Amino acid sequence: MPYVVGIVLSFGVALFARWVGFDRDRAFYPTVLMVVASYYVLFATMSESFQAVFLESSVMTIFVVAAVVGFRRSPWVIVGALAGHGVFDVFHADVVNNSGMPVWWPAFCLAYDVGAAAFLAVLLKLVDFAQPGPDGRFATKR
C-alpha cells in the first residue's frame, strides 16, 4: 500500500502543481527535494535521539546542496537527486537508526521520490525551462 500511495501522491502533486502553475519557477522541484529530505530529520526529532538528528541532518545537507546545485546549474541534477533519495530510502535503516520513523515510510518515500523524479524528467523533455514567456509560464517544446 505505501508504494501505491507514494506513486499516486507524487503524480497527483506534480499534476496539480503543473495545473495551477506552482512549477512555473525552477525553484519548485528543488524545494520538493529539500522538503522530502527534511522528513527524516522530523522523525529523528520525534525519536528524541541527538545522534539520529545529527545523522539525518547530515544526510539532508547533501540533498540541500544537490537542490541548490540543481537550481543553479541544471534541473537534471534534481531528477538525479530525487531518484537518489529514493534509492537511499531502500538502505536508510542500514545507515541510520531512527526509531521515530514509521515502518511504512521508506516504501512510501521511495515511491514518492521516484515518481517525482520520473515526472520531472518527462517534464524536462516536454517543457523549455530556458526562458519563461510573458505570462511567467515556461513554453512547451515543439
N, C-alpha and C. Protein backbone atom coordinates (compact mmCIF):
# COMPACT_ATOMS: atom_id res chain seq x y z
N MET A 1 0.81 -1.20 0.00
CA MET A 1 0.00 0.00 0.00
C MET A 1 0.85 1.28 0.00
N PRO A 2 1.96 1.34 0.77
CA PRO A 2 2.77 2.57 0.77
C PRO A 2 3.32 2.91 -0.61
N TYR A 3 3.64 1.87 -1.40
CA TYR A 3 4.16 2.12 -2.75
C TYR A 3 3.08 2.76 -3.63
N VAL A 4 1.88 2.24 -3.56
CA VAL A 4 0.78 2.76 -4.38
C VAL A 4 0.46 4.19 -3.98
N VAL A 5 0.34 4.44 -2.69
CA VAL A 5 0.01 5.79 -2.23
C VAL A 5 1.14 6.76 -2.60
N GLY A 6 2.38 6.34 -2.44
CA GLY A 6 3.52 7.22 -2.76
C GLY A 6 3.54 7.62 -4.22
N ILE A 7 3.36 6.65 -5.12
CA ILE A 7 3.42 6.97 -6.54
C ILE A 7 2.21 7.80 -6.97
N VAL A 8 1.02 7.45 -6.47
CA VAL A 8 -0.18 8.22 -6.83
C VAL A 8 -0.07 9.64 -6.30
N LEU A 9 0.40 9.79 -5.08
CA LEU A 9 0.53 11.12 -4.49
C LEU A 9 1.58 11.96 -5.22
N SER A 10 2.69 11.34 -5.62
CA SER A 10 3.73 12.10 -6.32
C SER A 10 3.20 12.63 -7.65
N PHE A 11 2.49 11.79 -8.38
CA PHE A 11 1.93 12.25 -9.66
C PHE A 11 0.81 13.26 -9.43
N GLY A 12 0.00 13.04 -8.39
CA GLY A 12 -1.07 13.98 -8.08
C GLY A 12 -0.54 15.36 -7.74
N VAL A 13 0.48 15.41 -6.91
CA VAL A 13 1.09 16.70 -6.54
C VAL A 13 1.70 17.36 -7.76
N ALA A 14 2.42 16.59 -8.57
CA ALA A 14 3.08 17.15 -9.75
C ALA A 14 2.06 17.67 -10.77
N LEU A 15 1.00 16.91 -10.99
CA LEU A 15 -0.03 17.37 -11.93
C LEU A 15 -0.75 18.60 -11.41
N PHE A 16 -1.05 18.62 -10.11
CA PHE A 16 -1.70 19.79 -9.52
C PHE A 16 -0.78 21.01 -9.62
N ALA A 17 0.49 20.83 -9.31
CA ALA A 17 1.46 21.94 -9.41
C ALA A 17 1.55 22.46 -10.83
N ARG A 18 1.49 21.56 -11.79
CA ARG A 18 1.54 21.97 -13.19
C ARG A 18 0.27 22.73 -13.57
N TRP A 19 -0.87 22.22 -13.13
CA TRP A 19 -2.17 22.81 -13.46
C TRP A 19 -2.31 24.24 -12.92
N VAL A 20 -1.93 24.44 -11.64
CA VAL A 20 -2.10 25.77 -11.04
C VAL A 20 -0.90 26.69 -11.26
N GLY A 21 0.20 26.14 -11.75
CA GLY A 21 1.36 26.97 -12.07
C GLY A 21 2.41 27.06 -10.98
N PHE A 22 2.32 26.21 -9.95
CA PHE A 22 3.35 26.23 -8.91
C PHE A 22 4.73 25.95 -9.47
N ASP A 23 4.79 25.15 -10.52
CA ASP A 23 6.09 24.77 -11.08
C ASP A 23 6.58 25.72 -12.17
N ARG A 24 5.99 26.93 -12.22
CA ARG A 24 6.45 27.94 -13.19
C ARG A 24 7.91 28.29 -12.96
N ASP A 25 8.28 28.31 -11.73
CA ASP A 25 9.64 28.68 -11.36
C ASP A 25 10.48 27.42 -11.17
N ARG A 26 11.73 27.52 -11.52
CA ARG A 26 12.64 26.37 -11.35
C ARG A 26 12.83 26.00 -9.89
N ALA A 27 12.37 26.82 -8.97
CA ALA A 27 12.57 26.54 -7.55
C ALA A 27 11.61 25.49 -7.00
N PHE A 28 10.56 25.16 -7.73
CA PHE A 28 9.56 24.24 -7.19
C PHE A 28 10.15 22.87 -6.86
N TYR A 29 10.76 22.21 -7.82
CA TYR A 29 11.26 20.85 -7.58
C TYR A 29 12.48 20.83 -6.64
N PRO A 30 13.38 21.81 -6.67
CA PRO A 30 14.42 21.83 -5.63
C PRO A 30 13.82 21.95 -4.22
N THR A 31 12.75 22.72 -4.10
CA THR A 31 12.09 22.84 -2.80
C THR A 31 11.46 21.51 -2.39
N VAL A 32 10.83 20.83 -3.34
CA VAL A 32 10.27 19.50 -3.05
C VAL A 32 11.38 18.58 -2.54
N LEU A 33 12.53 18.61 -3.19
CA LEU A 33 13.65 17.76 -2.78
C LEU A 33 14.07 18.06 -1.34
N MET A 34 14.18 19.33 -1.00
CA MET A 34 14.59 19.69 0.37
C MET A 34 13.54 19.27 1.40
N VAL A 35 12.28 19.43 1.06
CA VAL A 35 11.21 19.04 2.00
C VAL A 35 11.21 17.52 2.19
N VAL A 36 11.33 16.78 1.10
CA VAL A 36 11.36 15.32 1.18
C VAL A 36 12.50 14.87 2.10
N ALA A 37 13.66 15.48 1.92
CA ALA A 37 14.82 15.11 2.74
C ALA A 37 14.65 15.51 4.20
N SER A 38 13.86 16.53 4.46
CA SER A 38 13.71 17.01 5.84
C SER A 38 12.85 16.10 6.71
N TYR A 39 12.02 15.27 6.10
CA TYR A 39 11.12 14.42 6.91
C TYR A 39 11.89 13.47 7.82
N TYR A 40 13.02 12.96 7.36
CA TYR A 40 13.81 12.06 8.21
C TYR A 40 14.32 12.80 9.45
N VAL A 41 14.63 14.09 9.31
CA VAL A 41 15.05 14.88 10.47
C VAL A 41 13.88 15.05 11.43
N LEU A 42 12.69 15.26 10.89
CA LEU A 42 11.49 15.33 11.73
C LEU A 42 11.30 14.04 12.52
N PHE A 43 11.42 12.90 11.84
CA PHE A 43 11.25 11.62 12.53
C PHE A 43 12.33 11.42 13.58
N ALA A 44 13.55 11.86 13.30
CA ALA A 44 14.62 11.75 14.28
C ALA A 44 14.32 12.62 15.50
N THR A 45 13.76 13.79 15.26
CA THR A 45 13.37 14.67 16.37
C THR A 45 12.31 13.99 17.23
N MET A 46 11.37 13.31 16.58
CA MET A 46 10.33 12.59 17.32
C MET A 46 10.92 11.46 18.15
N SER A 47 12.03 10.88 17.70
CA SER A 47 12.67 9.80 18.46
C SER A 47 13.45 10.32 19.65
N GLU A 48 13.69 11.64 19.69
CA GLU A 48 14.46 12.28 20.75
C GLU A 48 15.88 11.75 20.85
N SER A 49 16.43 11.38 19.70
CA SER A 49 17.80 10.89 19.65
C SER A 49 18.68 11.94 18.99
N PHE A 50 19.60 12.50 19.76
CA PHE A 50 20.51 13.51 19.21
C PHE A 50 21.34 12.92 18.08
N GLN A 51 21.80 11.68 18.25
CA GLN A 51 22.61 11.03 17.22
C GLN A 51 21.81 10.90 15.91
N ALA A 52 20.56 10.48 16.00
CA ALA A 52 19.74 10.36 14.79
C ALA A 52 19.50 11.72 14.15
N VAL A 53 19.23 12.75 14.97
CA VAL A 53 19.03 14.10 14.41
C VAL A 53 20.29 14.55 13.69
N PHE A 54 21.45 14.32 14.30
CA PHE A 54 22.71 14.72 13.68
C PHE A 54 22.94 13.99 12.36
N LEU A 55 22.76 12.68 12.37
CA LEU A 55 22.99 11.90 11.15
C LEU A 55 22.00 12.26 10.06
N GLU A 56 20.72 12.38 10.42
CA GLU A 56 19.70 12.73 9.43
C GLU A 56 19.93 14.14 8.88
N SER A 57 20.35 15.05 9.73
CA SER A 57 20.65 16.41 9.27
C SER A 57 21.84 16.41 8.32
N SER A 58 22.81 15.56 8.60
CA SER A 58 23.99 15.45 7.72
C SER A 58 23.57 14.95 6.34
N VAL A 59 22.73 13.92 6.31
CA VAL A 59 22.25 13.39 5.04
C VAL A 59 21.39 14.43 4.33
N MET A 60 20.53 15.11 5.08
CA MET A 60 19.68 16.14 4.48
C MET A 60 20.53 17.22 3.82
N THR A 61 21.64 17.57 4.44
CA THR A 61 22.53 18.59 3.89
C THR A 61 23.01 18.23 2.49
N ILE A 62 23.27 16.96 2.26
CA ILE A 62 23.69 16.50 0.93
C ILE A 62 22.60 16.81 -0.10
N PHE A 63 21.35 16.55 0.28
CA PHE A 63 20.25 16.79 -0.65
C PHE A 63 19.94 18.28 -0.80
N VAL A 64 20.17 19.05 0.24
CA VAL A 64 20.00 20.51 0.12
C VAL A 64 21.05 21.08 -0.83
N VAL A 65 22.28 20.60 -0.72
CA VAL A 65 23.33 21.03 -1.65
C VAL A 65 22.95 20.64 -3.08
N ALA A 66 22.45 19.43 -3.26
CA ALA A 66 22.02 18.99 -4.59
C ALA A 66 20.89 19.87 -5.11
N ALA A 67 19.98 20.28 -4.23
CA ALA A 67 18.88 21.16 -4.64
C ALA A 67 19.42 22.51 -5.12
N VAL A 68 20.39 23.05 -4.41
CA VAL A 68 20.97 24.34 -4.80
C VAL A 68 21.72 24.20 -6.12
N VAL A 69 22.52 23.16 -6.25
CA VAL A 69 23.27 22.94 -7.49
C VAL A 69 22.30 22.74 -8.66
N GLY A 70 21.27 21.95 -8.44
CA GLY A 70 20.28 21.72 -9.49
C GLY A 70 19.54 22.98 -9.88
N PHE A 71 19.22 23.79 -8.90
CA PHE A 71 18.54 25.06 -9.17
C PHE A 71 19.41 25.99 -10.00
N ARG A 72 20.68 26.05 -9.65
CA ARG A 72 21.59 26.99 -10.31
C ARG A 72 22.15 26.47 -11.63
N ARG A 73 22.32 25.18 -11.75
CA ARG A 73 23.00 24.63 -12.92
C ARG A 73 22.06 23.92 -13.90
N SER A 74 21.37 22.89 -13.40
CA SER A 74 20.54 22.08 -14.28
C SER A 74 19.48 21.34 -13.48
N PRO A 75 18.23 21.41 -13.93
CA PRO A 75 17.18 20.66 -13.22
C PRO A 75 17.38 19.15 -13.31
N TRP A 76 18.24 18.69 -14.20
CA TRP A 76 18.53 17.25 -14.26
C TRP A 76 19.23 16.77 -12.99
N VAL A 77 19.94 17.67 -12.32
CA VAL A 77 20.53 17.32 -11.03
C VAL A 77 19.42 16.99 -10.03
N ILE A 78 18.32 17.72 -10.10
CA ILE A 78 17.18 17.47 -9.21
C ILE A 78 16.57 16.11 -9.51
N VAL A 79 16.45 15.78 -10.79
CA VAL A 79 15.94 14.45 -11.16
C VAL A 79 16.80 13.37 -10.53
N GLY A 80 18.11 13.51 -10.68
CA GLY A 80 19.04 12.53 -10.11
C GLY A 80 18.98 12.48 -8.60
N ALA A 81 18.86 13.64 -7.97
CA ALA A 81 18.82 13.69 -6.50
C ALA A 81 17.52 13.10 -5.95
N LEU A 82 16.40 13.39 -6.61
CA LEU A 82 15.13 12.78 -6.18
C LEU A 82 15.20 11.26 -6.31
N ALA A 83 15.69 10.78 -7.44
CA ALA A 83 15.84 9.34 -7.63
C ALA A 83 16.84 8.77 -6.62
N GLY A 84 17.92 9.52 -6.39
CA GLY A 84 18.92 9.09 -5.40
C GLY A 84 18.36 9.01 -4.00
N HIS A 85 17.48 9.95 -3.66
CA HIS A 85 16.84 9.89 -2.35
C HIS A 85 15.96 8.65 -2.26
N GLY A 86 15.31 8.31 -3.37
CA GLY A 86 14.51 7.08 -3.39
C GLY A 86 15.37 5.85 -3.13
N VAL A 87 16.54 5.80 -3.75
CA VAL A 87 17.47 4.69 -3.51
C VAL A 87 17.92 4.70 -2.06
N PHE A 88 18.20 5.88 -1.53
CA PHE A 88 18.59 6.00 -0.12
C PHE A 88 17.51 5.43 0.79
N ASP A 89 16.24 5.62 0.44
CA ASP A 89 15.15 5.09 1.25
C ASP A 89 15.26 3.58 1.43
N VAL A 90 15.74 2.89 0.40
CA VAL A 90 15.87 1.44 0.45
C VAL A 90 16.90 1.03 1.51
N PHE A 91 17.98 1.80 1.62
CA PHE A 91 19.08 1.46 2.52
C PHE A 91 19.09 2.26 3.82
N HIS A 92 18.09 3.11 4.01
CA HIS A 92 18.09 4.04 5.14
C HIS A 92 18.32 3.35 6.48
N ALA A 93 17.60 2.28 6.74
CA ALA A 93 17.70 1.60 8.04
C ALA A 93 19.10 1.04 8.29
N ASP A 94 19.84 0.75 7.22
CA ASP A 94 21.21 0.26 7.37
C ASP A 94 22.20 1.38 7.68
N VAL A 95 21.79 2.63 7.40
CA VAL A 95 22.67 3.78 7.57
C VAL A 95 22.39 4.51 8.89
N VAL A 96 21.11 4.70 9.21
CA VAL A 96 20.73 5.48 10.38
C VAL A 96 19.69 4.71 11.19
N ASN A 97 19.89 4.63 12.50
CA ASN A 97 18.89 4.06 13.39
C ASN A 97 17.98 5.20 13.84
N ASN A 98 16.78 5.24 13.27
CA ASN A 98 15.85 6.33 13.54
C ASN A 98 14.52 5.72 13.99
N SER A 99 14.35 5.58 15.29
CA SER A 99 13.15 4.92 15.82
C SER A 99 11.89 5.76 15.68
N GLY A 100 12.02 7.03 15.31
CA GLY A 100 10.85 7.86 15.12
C GLY A 100 10.20 7.68 13.76
N MET A 101 10.89 6.99 12.87
CA MET A 101 10.39 6.81 11.50
C MET A 101 9.34 5.70 11.47
N PRO A 102 8.18 5.98 10.86
CA PRO A 102 7.18 4.92 10.72
C PRO A 102 7.73 3.77 9.87
N VAL A 103 7.30 2.56 10.16
CA VAL A 103 7.78 1.38 9.45
C VAL A 103 7.50 1.47 7.95
N TRP A 104 6.39 2.05 7.57
CA TRP A 104 5.98 2.13 6.17
C TRP A 104 6.65 3.27 5.41
N TRP A 105 7.32 4.19 6.11
CA TRP A 105 7.85 5.39 5.47
C TRP A 105 8.84 5.13 4.34
N PRO A 106 9.85 4.29 4.52
CA PRO A 106 10.81 4.11 3.42
C PRO A 106 10.15 3.67 2.11
N ALA A 107 9.17 2.78 2.17
CA ALA A 107 8.48 2.33 0.95
C ALA A 107 7.69 3.48 0.33
N PHE A 108 6.98 4.23 1.15
CA PHE A 108 6.22 5.37 0.66
C PHE A 108 7.14 6.41 0.04
N CYS A 109 8.21 6.75 0.74
CA CYS A 109 9.13 7.79 0.28
C CYS A 109 9.85 7.36 -1.00
N LEU A 110 10.23 6.08 -1.09
CA LEU A 110 10.84 5.56 -2.30
C LEU A 110 9.91 5.78 -3.50
N ALA A 111 8.65 5.39 -3.35
CA ALA A 111 7.69 5.54 -4.44
C ALA A 111 7.46 7.01 -4.77
N TYR A 112 7.33 7.84 -3.75
CA TYR A 112 7.12 9.27 -3.99
C TYR A 112 8.31 9.89 -4.72
N ASP A 113 9.50 9.62 -4.22
CA ASP A 113 10.71 10.21 -4.80
C ASP A 113 10.91 9.79 -6.25
N VAL A 114 10.78 8.51 -6.52
CA VAL A 114 10.98 8.01 -7.88
C VAL A 114 9.87 8.54 -8.80
N GLY A 115 8.64 8.62 -8.30
CA GLY A 115 7.54 9.18 -9.09
C GLY A 115 7.78 10.64 -9.41
N ALA A 116 8.22 11.41 -8.44
CA ALA A 116 8.51 12.83 -8.67
C ALA A 116 9.67 13.00 -9.64
N ALA A 117 10.70 12.17 -9.50
CA ALA A 117 11.84 12.23 -10.41
C ALA A 117 11.41 11.90 -11.84
N ALA A 118 10.57 10.88 -11.99
CA ALA A 118 10.10 10.49 -13.32
C ALA A 118 9.24 11.59 -13.94
N PHE A 119 8.36 12.17 -13.14
CA PHE A 119 7.51 13.24 -13.66
C PHE A 119 8.35 14.42 -14.11
N LEU A 120 9.33 14.81 -13.28
CA LEU A 120 10.19 15.94 -13.65
C LEU A 120 11.00 15.62 -14.90
N ALA A 121 11.49 14.39 -15.03
CA ALA A 121 12.26 14.02 -16.22
C ALA A 121 11.41 14.16 -17.48
N VAL A 122 10.18 13.70 -17.42
CA VAL A 122 9.28 13.84 -18.57
C VAL A 122 9.00 15.32 -18.84
N LEU A 123 8.77 16.06 -17.77
CA LEU A 123 8.51 17.50 -17.91
C LEU A 123 9.68 18.22 -18.57
N LEU A 124 10.88 17.85 -18.19
CA LEU A 124 12.07 18.48 -18.77
C LEU A 124 12.21 18.17 -20.26
N LYS A 125 11.74 17.01 -20.66
CA LYS A 125 11.76 16.65 -22.09
C LYS A 125 10.71 17.43 -22.87
N LEU A 126 9.62 17.83 -22.21
CA LEU A 126 8.49 18.47 -22.89
C LEU A 126 8.46 19.99 -22.79
N VAL A 127 9.12 20.55 -21.77
CA VAL A 127 8.99 21.98 -21.48
C VAL A 127 10.36 22.65 -21.59
N ASP A 128 10.37 23.83 -22.19
CA ASP A 128 11.59 24.61 -22.32
C ASP A 128 11.74 25.51 -21.10
N PHE A 129 12.64 25.14 -20.20
CA PHE A 129 12.84 25.91 -18.98
C PHE A 129 13.88 27.02 -19.16
N ALA A 130 14.31 27.24 -20.38
CA ALA A 130 15.34 28.25 -20.62
C ALA A 130 14.83 29.66 -20.33
N GLN A 131 13.64 29.97 -20.77
CA GLN A 131 13.13 31.33 -20.62
C GLN A 131 11.61 31.31 -20.49
N PRO A 132 11.06 31.84 -19.41
CA PRO A 132 9.60 31.89 -19.31
C PRO A 132 9.02 32.91 -20.28
N GLY A 133 7.78 32.66 -20.70
CA GLY A 133 7.09 33.59 -21.59
C GLY A 133 6.57 34.78 -20.82
N PRO A 134 5.85 35.70 -21.49
CA PRO A 134 5.34 36.91 -20.83
C PRO A 134 4.35 36.62 -19.71
N ASP A 135 3.71 35.45 -19.75
CA ASP A 135 2.74 35.10 -18.70
C ASP A 135 3.43 34.41 -17.51
N GLY A 136 4.75 34.26 -17.58
CA GLY A 136 5.50 33.63 -16.49
C GLY A 136 5.61 32.12 -16.64
N ARG A 137 4.89 31.53 -17.58
CA ARG A 137 4.93 30.08 -17.78
C ARG A 137 6.08 29.72 -18.75
N PHE A 138 6.57 28.52 -18.58
CA PHE A 138 7.59 28.03 -19.49
C PHE A 138 6.92 27.40 -20.70
N ALA A 139 7.50 27.57 -21.86
CA ALA A 139 6.87 27.14 -23.11
C ALA A 139 7.06 25.64 -23.31
N THR A 140 6.07 25.04 -23.95
CA THR A 140 6.16 23.64 -24.34
C THR A 140 7.11 23.53 -25.53
N LYS A 141 7.98 22.52 -25.50
CA LYS A 141 8.92 22.33 -26.61
C LYS A 141 8.14 21.88 -27.83
N ARG A 142 8.58 22.30 -28.96
CA ARG A 142 7.89 21.93 -30.22
C ARG A 142 8.70 20.89 -30.96
